[in-house]
C-alpha atoms as a PDB file:
ATOM      1  CA  MET A   1    -119.392  40.580   5.893  1.00  0.00           C
ATOM      2  CA  PHE A   2    -116.210  42.352   4.795  1.00  0.00           C
ATOM      3  CA  PRO A   3    -115.504  43.971   1.395  1.00  0.00           C
ATOM      4  CA  TRP A   4    -114.418  41.890  -1.605  1.00  0.00           C
ATOM      5  CA  GLN A   5    -116.962  39.159  -0.854  1.00  0.00           C
ATOM      6  CA  THR A   6    -115.086  38.100   2.270  1.00  0.00           C
ATOM      7  CA  ARG A   7    -116.771  36.873   5.406  1.00  0.00           C
ATOM      8  CA  VAL A   8    -114.953  36.600   8.724  1.00  0.00           C
ATOM      9  CA  ASP A   9    -116.281  35.019  11.908  1.00  0.00           C
ATOM     10  CA  ALA A  10    -114.528  34.986  15.280  1.00  0.00           C
ATOM     11  CA  SER A  11    -115.836  33.336  18.407  1.00  0.00           C
ATOM     12  CA  TYR A  12    -114.881  32.034  21.799  1.00  0.00           C
ATOM     13  CA  VAL A  13    -116.040  28.525  22.650  1.00  0.00           C
ATOM     14  CA  GLY A  14    -115.513  27.018  26.071  1.00  0.00           C
ATOM     15  CA  SER A  15    -116.916  24.556  28.512  1.00  0.00           C
ATOM     16  CA  LEU A  16    -116.549  23.722  32.194  1.00  0.00           C
ATOM     17  CA  THR A  17    -117.464  20.380  33.732  1.00  0.00           C
ATOM     18  CA  THR A  18    -117.587  20.276  37.528  1.00  0.00           C
ATOM     19  CA  GLY A  19    -118.314  17.558  40.056  1.00  0.00           C
ATOM     20  CA  TYR A  20    -116.354  14.978  38.076  1.00  0.00           C
ATOM     21  CA  PRO A  21    -115.744  11.797  40.128  1.00  0.00           C
ATOM     22  CA  VAL A  22    -112.227  11.337  41.491  1.00  0.00           C
ATOM     23  CA  THR A  23    -110.847   7.941  42.497  1.00  0.00           C
ATOM     24  CA  TYR A  24    -109.394   7.645  46.001  1.00  0.00           C
ATOM     25  CA  ASN A  25    -107.780   4.552  47.516  1.00  0.00           C
ATOM     26  CA  MET A  26    -108.797   4.792  51.160  1.00  0.00           C
ATOM     27  CA  ASP A  27    -107.108   1.537  52.167  1.00  0.00           C
ATOM     28  CA  TYR A  28    -103.366   2.019  51.839  1.00  0.00           C
ATOM     29  CA  THR A  29    -100.209   2.424  53.950  1.00  0.00           C
ATOM     30  CA  PRO A  30    -100.143   5.657  56.021  1.00  0.00           C
ATOM     31  CA  LYS A  31     -98.018   8.330  54.336  1.00  0.00           C
ATOM     32  CA  ALA A  32     -95.549   8.714  57.220  1.00  0.00           C
ATOM     33  CA  THR A  33     -94.856   4.962  57.239  1.00  0.00           C
ATOM     34  CA  TYR A  34     -94.516   4.882  53.453  1.00  0.00           C
ATOM     35  CA  GLN A  35     -91.998   7.747  53.516  1.00  0.00           C
ATOM     36  CA  ALA A  36     -90.017   6.101  56.329  1.00  0.00           C
ATOM     37  CA  ALA A  37     -89.716   2.954  54.192  1.00  0.00           C
ATOM     38  CA  TYR A  38     -87.941   5.008  51.513  1.00  0.00           C
ATOM     39  CA  THR A  39     -84.793   5.063  53.675  1.00  0.00           C
ATOM     40  CA  ASN A  40     -85.412   1.663  55.270  1.00  0.00           C
ATOM     41  CA  ASN A  41     -87.268  -0.747  52.998  1.00  0.00           C
ATOM     42  CA  ALA A  42     -87.409  -3.383  55.752  1.00  0.00           C
ATOM     43  CA  ILE A  43     -90.083  -1.334  57.511  1.00  0.00           C
ATOM     44  CA  LEU A  44     -92.592  -2.543  54.937  1.00  0.00           C
ATOM     45  CA  ASN A  45     -90.815  -5.396  53.146  1.00  0.00           C
ATOM     46  CA  THR A  46     -90.276  -7.667  56.145  1.00  0.00           C
ATOM     47  CA  SER A  47     -92.205 -10.938  55.986  1.00  0.00           C
ATOM     48  CA  VAL A  48     -94.222 -11.884  59.086  1.00  0.00           C
ATOM     49  CA  PRO A  49     -96.772 -14.619  59.936  1.00  0.00           C
ATOM     50  CA  ASN A  50    -100.013 -14.082  58.067  1.00  0.00           C
ATOM     51  CA  PRO A  51    -102.943 -13.661  60.471  1.00  0.00           C
ATOM     52  CA  PHE A  52    -105.374 -14.297  57.612  1.00  0.00           C
ATOM     53  CA  TYR A  53    -103.894 -17.656  56.618  1.00  0.00           C
ATOM     54  CA  GLY A  54    -106.503 -20.332  57.202  1.00  0.00           C
ATOM     55  CA  VAL A  55    -109.155 -17.655  57.754  1.00  0.00           C
ATOM     56  CA  LEU A  56    -109.556 -16.197  54.298  1.00  0.00           C
ATOM     57  CA  PRO A  57    -110.037 -18.503  51.276  1.00  0.00           C
ATOM     58  CA  ALA A  58    -106.816 -20.058  49.974  1.00  0.00           C
ATOM     59  CA  ASN A  59    -107.472 -18.610  46.500  1.00  0.00           C
ATOM     60  CA  SER A  60    -107.572 -15.034  47.867  1.00  0.00           C
ATOM     61  CA  THR A  61    -104.543 -12.707  47.926  1.00  0.00           C
ATOM     62  CA  PHE A  62    -104.160 -12.662  51.702  1.00  0.00           C
ATOM     63  CA  GLY A  63    -105.221 -16.233  52.381  1.00  0.00           C
ATOM     64  CA  ALA A  64    -102.819 -18.023  50.054  1.00  0.00           C
ATOM     65  CA  SER A  65     -99.590 -17.964  52.062  1.00  0.00           C
ATOM     66  CA  PRO A  66     -98.622 -18.494  55.728  1.00  0.00           C
ATOM     67  CA  ASN A  67     -96.434 -15.366  55.537  1.00  0.00           C
ATOM     68  CA  ILE A  68     -97.242 -11.830  54.484  1.00  0.00           C
ATOM     69  CA  SER A  69     -95.347  -8.544  54.119  1.00  0.00           C
ATOM     70  CA  VAL A  70     -95.666  -5.940  56.828  1.00  0.00           C
ATOM     71  CA  GLN A  71     -96.959  -3.397  54.301  1.00  0.00           C
ATOM     72  CA  ASN A  72    -100.165  -5.377  53.773  1.00  0.00           C
ATOM     73  CA  LEU A  73    -100.849  -5.237  57.502  1.00  0.00           C
ATOM     74  CA  THR A  74    -100.459  -1.437  57.593  1.00  0.00           C
ATOM     75  CA  PHE A  75    -103.594  -0.988  55.530  1.00  0.00           C
ATOM     76  CA  PRO A  76    -106.515   0.461  57.551  1.00  0.00           C
ATOM     77  CA  TYR A  77    -108.694  -2.437  56.372  1.00  0.00           C
ATOM     78  CA  PRO A  78    -106.155  -5.172  55.489  1.00  0.00           C
ATOM     79  CA  GLU A  79    -108.749  -7.913  55.149  1.00  0.00           C
ATOM     80  CA  PHE A  80    -110.144  -6.190  52.041  1.00  0.00           C
ATOM     81  CA  ASN A  81    -106.841  -5.696  50.176  1.00  0.00           C
ATOM     82  CA  GLY A  82    -107.768  -2.198  49.064  1.00  0.00           C
ATOM     83  CA  ILE A  83    -110.950  -0.121  49.115  1.00  0.00           C
ATOM     84  CA  THR A  84    -111.433   2.413  46.330  1.00  0.00           C
ATOM     85  CA  MET A  85    -113.968   5.230  46.362  1.00  0.00           C
ATOM     86  CA  GLN A  86    -114.900   6.362  42.853  1.00  0.00           C
ATOM     87  CA  THR A  87    -117.749   8.812  43.402  1.00  0.00           C
ATOM     88  CA  ASN A  88    -116.026  11.776  45.084  1.00  0.00           C
ATOM     89  CA  PRO A  89    -117.202  14.856  43.094  1.00  0.00           C
ATOM     90  CA  TRP A  90    -113.943  16.779  43.418  1.00  0.00           C
ATOM     91  CA  GLY A  91    -112.713  17.053  39.826  1.00  0.00           C
ATOM     92  CA  HIS A  92    -113.387  19.321  36.904  1.00  0.00           C
ATOM     93  CA  TYR A  93    -112.576  19.741  33.201  1.00  0.00           C
ATOM     94  CA  ARG A  94    -112.158  23.008  31.335  1.00  0.00           C
ATOM     95  CA  TYR A  95    -111.925  23.772  27.620  1.00  0.00           C
ATOM     96  CA  ASP A  96    -111.200  27.207  26.110  1.00  0.00           C
ATOM     97  CA  SER A  97    -110.800  28.040  22.445  1.00  0.00           C
ATOM     98  CA  LEU A  98    -110.563  30.914  19.998  1.00  0.00           C
ATOM     99  CA  GLN A  99    -112.160  30.000  16.672  1.00  0.00           C
ATOM    100  CA  LEU A 100    -111.691  31.949  13.444  1.00  0.00           C
ATOM    101  CA  ARG A 101    -113.343  31.327  10.074  1.00  0.00           C
ATOM    102  CA  THR A 102    -112.845  33.185   6.798  1.00  0.00           C
ATOM    103  CA  GLU A 103    -114.764  32.587   3.575  1.00  0.00           C
ATOM    104  CA  LYS A 104    -113.733  34.228   0.321  1.00  0.00           C
ATOM    105  CA  ARG A 105    -115.232  34.013  -3.151  1.00  0.00           C
ATOM    106  CA  PHE A 106    -113.097  34.907  -6.155  1.00  0.00           C
ATOM    107  CA  MET A 107    -114.426  35.966  -9.544  1.00  0.00           C
ATOM    108  CA  GLY A 108    -117.301  34.141 -11.173  1.00  0.00           C
ATOM    109  CA  MET A 109    -117.740  31.025 -13.254  1.00  0.00           C
ATOM    110  CA  ASP A 110    -117.279  33.044 -16.486  1.00  0.00           C
ATOM    111  CA  SER A 111    -114.009  34.707 -15.389  1.00  0.00           C
ATOM    112  CA  TRP A 112    -110.621  33.641 -16.706  1.00  0.00           C
ATOM    113  CA  SER A 113    -109.745  32.012 -13.374  1.00  0.00           C
ATOM    114  CA  GLY A 114    -113.101  30.334 -12.887  1.00  0.00           C
ATOM    115  CA  GLY A 115    -115.304  30.549  -9.835  1.00  0.00           C
ATOM    116  CA  VAL A 116    -113.376  29.855  -6.658  1.00  0.00           C
ATOM    117  CA  THR A 117    -114.674  29.619  -3.107  1.00  0.00           C
ATOM    118  CA  MET A 118    -112.186  29.150  -0.274  1.00  0.00           C
ATOM    119  CA  ILE A 119    -112.820  28.631   3.431  1.00  0.00           C
ATOM    120  CA  PHE A 120    -110.099  28.926   6.040  1.00  0.00           C
ATOM    121  CA  SER A 121    -110.629  28.113   9.700  1.00  0.00           C
ATOM    122  CA  TYR A 122    -108.314  28.127  12.673  1.00  0.00           C
ATOM    123  CA  THR A 123    -108.788  27.059  16.279  1.00  0.00           C
ATOM    124  CA  PHE A 124    -106.438  27.700  19.168  1.00  0.00           C
ATOM    125  CA  SER A 125    -107.507  25.789  22.252  1.00  0.00           C
ATOM    126  CA  LYS A 126    -106.497  24.341  25.592  1.00  0.00           C
ATOM    127  CA  ALA A 127    -108.154  21.442  27.391  1.00  0.00           C
ATOM    128  CA  PHE A 128    -107.284  20.954  31.067  1.00  0.00           C
ATOM    129  CA  GLN A 129    -108.378  18.512  33.702  1.00  0.00           C
ATOM    130  CA  THR A 130    -108.140  18.508  37.490  1.00  0.00           C
ATOM    131  CA  THR A 131    -109.311  14.985  38.217  1.00  0.00           C
ATOM    132  CA  VAL A 132    -106.422  12.904  39.614  1.00  0.00           C
ATOM    133  CA  ARG A 133    -103.686  12.956  42.217  1.00  0.00           C
ATOM    134  CA  GLU A 134    -100.169  11.834  41.429  1.00  0.00           C
ATOM    135  CA  THR A 135    -100.663   9.374  44.305  1.00  0.00           C
ATOM    136  CA  ASN A 136    -104.306   8.375  44.568  1.00  0.00           C
ATOM    137  CA  TRP A 137    -104.148   7.435  48.267  1.00  0.00           C
ATOM    138  CA  ASP A 138    -102.588  10.693  49.505  1.00  0.00           C
ATOM    139  CA  LEU A 139    -105.279  13.243  50.328  1.00  0.00           C
ATOM    140  CA  THR A 140    -102.622  15.778  51.338  1.00  0.00           C
ATOM    141  CA  GLN A 141    -101.747  16.190  47.654  1.00  0.00           C
ATOM    142  CA  PRO A 142    -103.813  18.655  45.652  1.00  0.00           C
ATOM    143  CA  LEU A 143    -105.466  17.413  42.496  1.00  0.00           C
ATOM    144  CA  ALA A 144    -103.080  17.765  39.548  1.00  0.00           C
ATOM    145  CA  HIS A 145    -103.970  20.513  37.058  1.00  0.00           C
ATOM    146  CA  GLU A 146    -102.800  19.096  33.724  1.00  0.00           C
ATOM    147  CA  LEU A 147    -103.571  18.777  30.039  1.00  0.00           C
ATOM    148  CA  THR A 148    -106.153  16.230  28.984  1.00  0.00           C
ATOM    149  CA  GLN A 149    -105.131  13.272  26.861  1.00  0.00           C
ATOM    150  CA  TYR A 150    -107.003  14.734  23.851  1.00  0.00           C
ATOM    151  CA  ASP A 151    -105.601  18.294  24.000  1.00  0.00           C
ATOM    152  CA  LYS A 152    -104.803  19.579  20.478  1.00  0.00           C
ATOM    153  CA  PRO A 153    -103.971  23.293  20.743  1.00  0.00           C
ATOM    154  CA  GLN A 154    -103.582  24.021  17.029  1.00  0.00           C
ATOM    155  CA  SER A 155    -106.138  23.136  14.384  1.00  0.00           C
ATOM    156  CA  VAL A 156    -106.100  24.510  10.830  1.00  0.00           C
ATOM    157  CA  ALA A 157    -108.501  23.658   8.031  1.00  0.00           C
ATOM    158  CA  PHE A 158    -108.422  24.975   4.456  1.00  0.00           C
ATOM    159  CA  SER A 159    -110.985  23.887   1.891  1.00  0.00           C
ATOM    160  CA  GLY A 160    -112.294  25.130  -1.409  1.00  0.00           C
ATOM    161  CA  VAL A 161    -114.109  24.517  -4.671  1.00  0.00           C
ATOM    162  CA  TRP A 162    -112.872  25.549  -8.122  1.00  0.00           C
ATOM    163  CA  MET A 163    -115.230  25.749 -11.070  1.00  0.00           C
ATOM    164  CA  ILE A 164    -112.778  25.016 -13.903  1.00  0.00           C
ATOM    165  CA  PRO A 165    -113.127  27.861 -16.491  1.00  0.00           C
ATOM    166  CA  VAL A 166    -113.513  25.663 -19.561  1.00  0.00           C
ATOM    167  CA  GLY A 167    -116.714  24.806 -21.417  1.00  0.00           C
ATOM    168  CA  GLU A 168    -120.264  26.122 -21.670  1.00  0.00           C
ATOM    169  CA  LYS A 169    -120.861  29.365 -19.740  1.00  0.00           C
ATOM    170  CA  ARG A 170    -117.189  29.396 -18.704  1.00  0.00           C
ATOM    171  CA  HIS A 171    -114.409  31.740 -19.870  1.00  0.00           C
ATOM    172  CA  PHE A 172    -112.615  29.370 -22.256  1.00  0.00           C
ATOM    173  CA  ALA A 173    -114.382  27.475 -25.040  1.00  0.00           C
ATOM    174  CA  SER A 174    -117.675  28.935 -23.851  1.00  0.00           C
ATOM    175  CA  HIS A 175    -119.629  27.966 -26.995  1.00  0.00           C
ATOM    176  CA  PRO A 176    -118.614  24.400 -27.873  1.00  0.00           C
ATOM    177  CA  ASN A 177    -120.753  22.077 -29.916  1.00  0.00           C
ATOM    178  CA  LYS A 178    -122.918  19.561 -28.095  1.00  0.00           C
ATOM    179  CA  VAL A 179    -120.417  16.698 -28.201  1.00  0.00           C
ATOM    180  CA  ILE A 180    -117.429  18.769 -27.085  1.00  0.00           C
ATOM    181  CA  SER A 181    -119.526  20.484 -24.428  1.00  0.00           C
ATOM    182  CA  GLY A 182    -120.503  17.120 -22.994  1.00  0.00           C
ATOM    183  CA  ILE A 183    -116.813  16.310 -22.522  1.00  0.00           C
ATOM    184  CA  ILE A 184    -115.239  19.574 -21.335  1.00  0.00           C
ATOM    185  CA  SER A 185    -118.064  21.484 -19.632  1.00  0.00           C
ATOM    186  CA  GLY A 186    -119.045  21.377 -15.967  1.00  0.00           C
ATOM    187  CA  TRP A 187    -115.833  20.132 -14.371  1.00  0.00           C
ATOM    188  CA  GLN A 188    -115.066  21.242 -10.856  1.00  0.00           C
ATOM    189  CA  ALA A 189    -112.284  20.492  -8.375  1.00  0.00           C
ATOM    190  CA  SER A 190    -112.325  20.583  -4.594  1.00  0.00           C
ATOM    191  CA  TRP A 191    -109.839  20.131  -1.786  1.00  0.00           C
ATOM    192  CA  THR A 192    -109.703  19.852   1.977  1.00  0.00           C
ATOM    193  CA  TYR A 193    -106.519  20.318   3.976  1.00  0.00           C
ATOM    194  CA  ARG A 194    -106.396  19.787   7.725  1.00  0.00           C
ATOM    195  CA  TYR A 195    -103.626  20.139  10.279  1.00  0.00           C
ATOM    196  CA  THR A 196    -103.901  19.336  13.987  1.00  0.00           C
ATOM    197  CA  SER A 197    -101.358  19.249  16.780  1.00  0.00           C
ATOM    198  CA  GLY A 198    -100.423  15.939  18.316  1.00  0.00           C
ATOM    199  CA  VAL A 199    -101.829  14.980  21.705  1.00  0.00           C
ATOM    200  CA  PRO A 200     -99.596  14.921  24.825  1.00  0.00           C
ATOM    201  CA  VAL A 201     -97.430  11.864  25.457  1.00  0.00           C
ATOM    202  CA  SER A 202     -98.104   9.940  28.675  1.00  0.00           C
ATOM    203  CA  ALA A 203     -95.474  10.722  31.290  1.00  0.00           C
ATOM    204  CA  MET A 204     -92.914   8.133  32.382  1.00  0.00           C
ATOM    205  CA  ASN A 205     -92.554   7.579  36.121  1.00  0.00           C
ATOM    206  CA  TYR A 206     -88.785   7.089  35.867  1.00  0.00           C
ATOM    207  CA  TRP A 207     -85.763   8.886  37.223  1.00  0.00           C
ATOM    208  CA  TYR A 208     -84.077  10.990  34.534  1.00  0.00           C
ATOM    209  CA  LYS A 209     -80.402  11.192  35.522  1.00  0.00           C
ATOM    210  CA  CYS A 210     -78.801  13.087  32.622  1.00  0.00           C
ATOM    211  CA  THR A 211     -78.241  16.835  32.446  1.00  0.00           C
ATOM    212  CA  ASP A 212     -79.281  16.950  28.769  1.00  0.00           C
ATOM    213  CA  SER A 213     -82.843  17.918  27.973  1.00  0.00           C
ATOM    214  CA  MET A 214     -85.333  15.075  27.660  1.00  0.00           C
ATOM    215  CA  LEU A 215     -86.640  16.813  24.514  1.00  0.00           C
ATOM    216  CA  THR A 216     -84.061  16.084  21.835  1.00  0.00           C
ATOM    217  CA  THR A 217     -83.168  18.623  19.158  1.00  0.00           C
ATOM    218  CA  ASP A 218     -82.948  15.993  16.381  1.00  0.00           C
ATOM    219  CA  GLN A 219     -86.366  14.450  16.886  1.00  0.00           C
ATOM    220  CA  ASN A 220     -87.113  11.653  14.434  1.00  0.00           C
ATOM    221  CA  HIS A 221     -88.982   8.361  14.182  1.00  0.00           C
ATOM    222  CA  ASP A 222     -86.430   6.414  16.244  1.00  0.00           C
ATOM    223  CA  HIS A 223     -85.456   9.266  18.545  1.00  0.00           C
ATOM    224  CA  TRP A 224     -88.670  11.001  19.638  1.00  0.00           C
ATOM    225  CA  PHE A 225     -87.111  12.050  22.928  1.00  0.00           C
ATOM    226  CA  ASN A 226     -83.798  11.377  24.634  1.00  0.00           C
ATOM    227  CA  ASN A 227     -83.971   7.584  24.758  1.00  0.00           C
ATOM    228  CA  ASN A 228     -80.393   7.016  25.879  1.00  0.00           C
ATOM    229  CA  GLY A 229     -80.883   4.087  28.248  1.00  0.00           C
ATOM    230  CA  SER A 230     -78.169   5.292  30.633  1.00  0.00           C
ATOM    231  CA  CYS A 231     -80.206   8.429  31.332  1.00  0.00           C
ATOM    232  CA  TRP A 232     -83.181   6.554  32.732  1.00  0.00           C
ATOM    233  CA  ALA A 233     -83.627   4.442  35.853  1.00  0.00           C
ATOM    234  CA  SER A 234     -86.427   3.194  38.075  1.00  0.00           C
ATOM    235  CA  TRP A 235     -87.122   5.166  41.228  1.00  0.00           C
ATOM    236  CA  PRO A 236     -85.985   3.676  44.550  1.00  0.00           C
ATOM    237  CA  SER A 237     -88.689   1.729  46.380  1.00  0.00           C
ATOM    238  CA  TYR A 238     -91.308   3.817  48.169  1.00  0.00           C
ATOM    239  CA  THR A 239     -90.568   7.025  46.272  1.00  0.00           C
ATOM    240  CA  MET A 240     -93.558   9.361  46.254  1.00  0.00           C
ATOM    241  CA  ARG A 241     -94.626  10.042  42.687  1.00  0.00           C
ATOM    242  CA  THR A 242     -93.981  13.597  41.481  1.00  0.00           C
ATOM    243  CA  ILE A 243     -94.386  13.006  37.719  1.00  0.00           C
ATOM    244  CA  PRO A 244     -97.637  14.203  36.082  1.00  0.00           C
ATOM    245  CA  ASP A 245     -99.812  11.907  33.972  1.00  0.00           C
ATOM    246  CA  ARG A 246     -98.662  13.461  30.703  1.00  0.00           C
ATOM    247  CA  TYR A 247     -96.113  15.947  29.424  1.00  0.00           C
ATOM    248  CA  ALA A 248     -97.037  19.416  28.203  1.00  0.00           C
ATOM    249  CA  TRP A 249     -93.766  19.712  26.242  1.00  0.00           C
ATOM    250  CA  LEU A 250     -93.767  16.330  24.459  1.00  0.00           C
ATOM    251  CA  ARG A 251     -96.495  15.433  21.977  1.00  0.00           C
ATOM    252  CA  GLN A 252     -97.298  12.755  19.478  1.00  0.00           C
ATOM    253  CA  MET A 253     -96.949  13.473  15.755  1.00  0.00           C
ATOM    254  CA  ASP A 254     -98.872  16.362  14.256  1.00  0.00           C
ATOM    255  CA  ASN A 255    -101.440  15.236  11.711  1.00  0.00           C
ATOM    256  CA  SER A 256    -101.452  16.818   8.260  1.00  0.00           C
ATOM    257  CA  THR A 257    -103.857  15.554   5.584  1.00  0.00           C
ATOM    258  CA  LEU A 258    -104.832  16.763   2.116  1.00  0.00           C
ATOM    259  CA  ASN A 259    -107.791  15.289   0.226  1.00  0.00           C
ATOM    260  CA  VAL A 260    -108.538  16.377  -3.358  1.00  0.00           C
ATOM    261  CA  ALA A 261    -111.327  15.542  -5.788  1.00  0.00           C
ATOM    262  CA  MET A 262    -112.561  16.308  -9.289  1.00  0.00           C
ATOM    263  CA  ASN A 263    -116.033  15.596 -10.605  1.00  0.00           C
ATOM    264  CA  LYS A 264    -118.385  16.174 -13.525  1.00  0.00           C
ATOM    265  CA  THR A 265    -121.994  15.319 -14.266  1.00  0.00           C
ATOM    266  CA  PHE A 266    -122.787  14.031 -17.781  1.00  0.00           C
ATOM    267  CA  SER A 267    -126.312  14.382 -19.154  1.00  0.00           C
ATOM    268  CA  ILE A 268    -127.167  11.157 -20.954  1.00  0.00           C
ATOM    269  CA  THR A 269    -130.801  12.070 -21.578  1.00  0.00           C
ATOM    270  CA  GLU A 270    -133.099  14.675 -20.054  1.00  0.00           C
ATOM    271  CA  ARG A 271    -133.831  12.165 -17.294  1.00  0.00           C
ATOM    272  CA  TRP A 272    -130.646  10.152 -16.958  1.00  0.00           C
ATOM    273  CA  LYS A 273    -127.438  11.669 -15.615  1.00  0.00           C
ATOM    274  CA  PHE A 274    -124.076  10.173 -14.782  1.00  0.00           C
ATOM    275  CA  THR A 275    -121.630  11.711 -12.270  1.00  0.00           C
ATOM    276  CA  LEU A 276    -117.949  10.810 -12.516  1.00  0.00           C
ATOM    277  CA  ARG A 277    -115.756  11.539  -9.503  1.00  0.00           C
ATOM    278  CA  ALA A 278    -112.025  11.040  -8.955  1.00  0.00           C
ATOM    279  CA  GLU A 279    -110.650  11.380  -5.429  1.00  0.00           C
ATOM    280  CA  ALA A 280    -107.284  11.192  -3.702  1.00  0.00           C
ATOM    281  CA  PHE A 281    -107.231  10.797   0.062  1.00  0.00           C
ATOM    282  CA  ASN A 282    -104.060  11.720   1.967  1.00  0.00           C
ATOM    283  CA  ALA A 283    -102.756  13.035  -1.332  1.00  0.00           C
ATOM    284  CA  MET A 284     -99.417  14.053   0.233  1.00  0.00           C
ATOM    285  CA  ASN A 285     -98.977  10.483   1.519  1.00  0.00           C
ATOM    286  CA  HIS A 286     -98.196  11.843   4.987  1.00  0.00           C
ATOM    287  CA  PRO A 287     -97.777   9.001   7.516  1.00  0.00           C
ATOM    288  CA  LEU A 288     -99.162   9.321  11.031  1.00  0.00           C
ATOM    289  CA  TYR A 289     -97.585   7.216  13.766  1.00  0.00           C
ATOM    290  CA  GLY A 290     -98.825   6.613  17.282  1.00  0.00           C
ATOM    291  CA  ALA A 291     -97.256   7.443  20.621  1.00  0.00           C
ATOM    292  CA  PRO A 292     -93.600   6.594  21.319  1.00  0.00           C
ATOM    293  CA  ASP A 293     -92.767   3.590  23.469  1.00  0.00           C
ATOM    294  CA  THR A 294     -92.367   4.840  27.048  1.00  0.00           C
ATOM    295  CA  THR A 295     -91.285   1.592  28.733  1.00  0.00           C
ATOM    296  CA  ARG A 296     -87.556   2.017  29.341  1.00  0.00           C
ATOM    297  CA  THR A 297     -86.799  -1.731  29.254  1.00  0.00           C
ATOM    298  CA  ASP A 298     -88.315  -2.169  25.772  1.00  0.00           C
ATOM    299  CA  ALA A 299     -86.098  -2.444  22.705  1.00  0.00           C
ATOM    300  CA  ARG A 300     -88.064   0.368  21.028  1.00  0.00           C
ATOM    301  CA  PHE A 301     -87.988   2.729  23.990  1.00  0.00           C
ATOM    302  CA  GLY A 302     -88.334   6.307  22.761  1.00  0.00           C
ATOM    303  CA  MET A 303     -89.256   5.195  19.227  1.00  0.00           C
ATOM    304  CA  LEU A 304     -92.512   5.578  17.341  1.00  0.00           C
ATOM    305  CA  PRO A 305     -94.422   2.444  16.282  1.00  0.00           C
ATOM    306  CA  VAL A 306     -93.449   0.721  13.050  1.00  0.00           C
ATOM    307  CA  GLY A 307     -96.991   0.669  11.665  1.00  0.00           C
ATOM    308  CA  GLN A 308     -98.728   3.938  10.814  1.00  0.00           C
ATOM    309  CA  GLN A 309    -102.190   4.812  12.134  1.00  0.00           C
ATOM    310  CA  ASN A 310    -103.614   6.351   8.976  1.00  0.00           C
ATOM    311  CA  PHE A 311    -104.002   5.025   5.445  1.00  0.00           C
ATOM    312  CA  PRO A 312    -101.301   5.823   2.864  1.00  0.00           C
ATOM    313  CA  ARG A 313    -102.326   7.741  -0.252  1.00  0.00           C
ATOM    314  CA  TYR A 314    -105.577   6.281  -1.539  1.00  0.00           C
ATOM    315  CA  ILE A 315    -106.978   7.064  -4.988  1.00  0.00           C
ATOM    316  CA  GLN A 316    -110.410   6.046  -6.188  1.00  0.00           C
ATOM    317  CA  LEU A 317    -112.602   6.572  -9.227  1.00  0.00           C
ATOM    318  CA  SER A 318    -116.359   6.314  -8.799  1.00  0.00           C
ATOM    319  CA  GLY A 319    -119.510   6.868 -10.793  1.00  0.00           C
ATOM    320  CA  LYS A 320    -123.165   7.424  -9.947  1.00  0.00           C
ATOM    321  CA  VAL A 321    -126.243   7.216 -12.164  1.00  0.00           C
ATOM    322  CA  GLN A 322    -129.174   9.533 -11.403  1.00  0.00           C
ATOM    323  CA  PHE A 323    -132.610   9.553 -12.888  1.00  0.00           C
END
């Protein structure tokens, strides 16, 4: 507890998950052959007689046609069309955060400003995962150390309650008659503001050809990153993936929300009470849109969705009877 009725808490919160299962495709083209096909696609694209035709069911992938590509026959176990192991305990997750919280109380209910309690909290965090390879059949690649899909490094929350200084036992009009007191006394207001960073955008496995930065300086709803179509192209066939699962430098929209409320309890009789409450959710009417379109052939490539994810400003008036 600090002077002036201020309380400050600081803490480190973290977690480490080990032995997380990693998926590995153990039935795929050998790496050397795959890389050779980059310069000569015919190595894997050539069509040859299908040794499984008439052997495997006609409704199966390898039994449907009398011809088959060479690549399918380079699999270690071609008759199975892929074998995936999902229980290899090679991965891990890690979360680290610094959390701060401050609570401050101002004056009292009978002061000119009314009783005010404010709470401010801040969290700076990082959430990493090491659970996938950029190419899930290449064991020569190390597991990628990257941000998780839910990483939100900045989180701010500010909330408070204000005992409005009007009416009985308050600073202004502290001795009203019974009727006036029933109308003006006992009002209080509250608010909650929250800001969080956006989560990382999923990476695009495309070739970026331009010299300009992918992160545009005039970021807006229809231009979240450099979506100039001439800057993007598909990789040549049999290119080894080098793009991570998500970008550390490109995030979805930050979320900023303010909710406010005002309420008062009216005493009808000694037993019966009525509470009136007015609330405004997303009072700033701040829209929140989802991730940008990352398919380069789409008309809305690089744009945010048209529909917002959150509700627009919402105001409600409610009442509750207690006895």
